[in-house]
Amino acid sequence: MAKNSCKSELDTAKSRCERDLNLNGTFAIIGCFSGPWTCALGTVLVAITHQNCVNDAQEDYENCLN
């Protein structure tokens, strides 16, 4: 039962990561109209933020299982 709860929490966390990716990605695309450096910086920040979110979700899942 606990494993199902942990999996559910992981799925919820990943869904939130995706939601934030979409929101932040929209602003990164808008930033692309300001120039290539703004576009590159925005895109890199979105990628880093998303990866950190997914890593945190996975870590929380592994802690939940233990």
C-alpha atoms as a PDB file:
ATOM      1  CA  MET A   1       0.000   0.000   0.000  1.00  0.00           C
ATOM      2  CA  ALA A   2       2.814   2.421   0.862  1.00  0.00           C
ATOM      3  CA  LYS A   3       4.462   1.820  -2.518  1.00  0.00           C
ATOM      4  CA  ASN A   4       1.257   2.855  -4.298  1.00  0.00           C
ATOM      5  CA  SER A   5       1.114   6.005  -2.186  1.00  0.00           C
ATOM      6  CA  CYS A   6       4.761   6.780  -2.990  1.00  0.00           C
ATOM      7  CA  LYS A   7       4.126   6.220  -6.706  1.00  0.00           C
ATOM      8  CA  SER A   8       1.100   8.498  -6.568  1.00  0.00           C
ATOM      9  CA  GLU A   9       3.164  11.217  -4.898  1.00  0.00           C
ATOM     10  CA  LEU A  10       5.887  10.800  -7.537  1.00  0.00           C
ATOM     11  CA  ASP A  11       3.347  11.124 -10.338  1.00  0.00           C
ATOM     12  CA  THR A  12       1.897  14.253  -8.745  1.00  0.00           C
ATOM     13  CA  ALA A  13       5.336  15.807  -8.297  1.00  0.00           C
ATOM     14  CA  LYS A  14       6.294  15.057 -11.898  1.00  0.00           C
ATOM     15  CA  SER A  15       3.021  16.569 -13.114  1.00  0.00           C
ATOM     16  CA  ARG A  16       3.877  19.721 -11.204  1.00  0.00           C
ATOM     17  CA  CYS A  17       7.329  19.736 -12.770  1.00  0.00           C
ATOM     18  CA  GLU A  18       5.717  19.549 -16.209  1.00  0.00           C
ATOM     19  CA  ARG A  19       3.283  22.346 -15.335  1.00  0.00           C
ATOM     20  CA  ASP A  20       6.156  24.581 -14.260  1.00  0.00           C
ATOM     21  CA  LEU A  21       8.152  23.607 -17.349  1.00  0.00           C
ATOM     22  CA  ASN A  22       5.307  24.764 -19.570  1.00  0.00           C
ATOM     23  CA  LEU A  23       4.895  28.037 -17.701  1.00  0.00           C
ATOM     24  CA  ASN A  24       8.619  28.827 -17.557  1.00  0.00           C
ATOM     25  CA  GLY A  25       9.083  27.700 -21.154  1.00  0.00           C
ATOM     26  CA  THR A  26       6.472  30.206 -22.259  1.00  0.00           C
ATOM     27  CA  PHE A  27       8.442  33.018 -20.658  1.00  0.00           C
ATOM     28  CA  ALA A  28      11.675  31.700 -22.174  1.00  0.00           C
ATOM     29  CA  ILE A  29      10.095  31.796 -25.629  1.00  0.00           C
ATOM     30  CA  ILE A  30       8.874  35.331 -25.024  1.00  0.00           C
ATOM     31  CA  GLY A  31      12.430  36.205 -23.960  1.00  0.00           C
ATOM     32  CA  CYS A  32      13.652  34.981 -27.334  1.00  0.00           C
ATOM     33  CA  PHE A  33      12.131  38.105 -28.874  1.00  0.00           C
ATOM     34  CA  SER A  34      14.631  40.145 -26.841  1.00  0.00           C
ATOM     35  CA  GLY A  35      17.667  38.591 -28.471  1.00  0.00           C
ATOM     36  CA  PRO A  36      19.759  35.461 -28.684  1.00  0.00           C
ATOM     37  CA  TRP A  37      21.475  35.836 -25.300  1.00  0.00           C
ATOM     38  CA  THR A  38      18.197  36.302 -23.473  1.00  0.00           C
ATOM     39  CA  CYS A  39      16.779  33.329 -25.343  1.00  0.00           C
ATOM     40  CA  ALA A  40      19.751  31.113 -24.520  1.00  0.00           C
ATOM     41  CA  LEU A  41      19.809  32.131 -20.864  1.00  0.00           C
ATOM     42  CA  GLY A  42      16.063  31.613 -20.466  1.00  0.00           C
ATOM     43  CA  THR A  43      16.198  28.211 -22.133  1.00  0.00           C
ATOM     44  CA  VAL A  44      19.120  27.043 -19.991  1.00  0.00           C
ATOM     45  CA  LEU A  45      17.434  28.228 -16.793  1.00  0.00           C
ATOM     46  CA  VAL A  46      14.213  26.428 -17.734  1.00  0.00           C
ATOM     47  CA  ALA A  47      16.123  23.201 -18.421  1.00  0.00           C
ATOM     48  CA  ILE A  48      18.054  23.394 -15.142  1.00  0.00           C
ATOM     49  CA  THR A  49      14.944  24.191 -13.116  1.00  0.00           C
ATOM     50  CA  HIS A  50      13.035  21.312 -14.688  1.00  0.00           C
ATOM     51  CA  GLN A  51      15.832  18.810 -14.134  1.00  0.00           C
ATOM     52  CA  ASN A  52      16.183  19.887 -10.502  1.00  0.00           C
ATOM     53  CA  CYS A  53      12.447  19.416 -10.005  1.00  0.00           C
ATOM     54  CA  VAL A  54      12.497  15.917 -11.506  1.00  0.00           C
ATOM     55  CA  ASN A  55      15.561  14.988  -9.432  1.00  0.00           C
ATOM     56  CA  ASP A  56      13.872  16.229  -6.248  1.00  0.00           C
ATOM     57  CA  ALA A  57      10.732  14.243  -7.077  1.00  0.00           C
ATOM     58  CA  GLN A  58      12.772  11.083  -7.617  1.00  0.00           C
ATOM     59  CA  GLU A  59      14.706  11.613  -4.380  1.00  0.00           C
ATOM     60  CA  ASP A  60      11.461  12.108  -2.444  1.00  0.00           C
ATOM     61  CA  TYR A  61      10.092   8.920  -4.019  1.00  0.00           C
ATOM     62  CA  GLU A  62      13.146   6.899  -3.000  1.00  0.00           C
ATOM     63  CA  ASN A  63      12.956   8.312   0.548  1.00  0.00           C
ATOM     64  CA  CYS A  64       9.276   7.409   0.686  1.00  0.00           C
ATOM     65  CA  LEU A  65      10.042   3.800  -0.230  1.00  0.00           C
ATOM     66  CA  ASN A  66      12.655   3.494   2.532  1.00  0.00           C
END
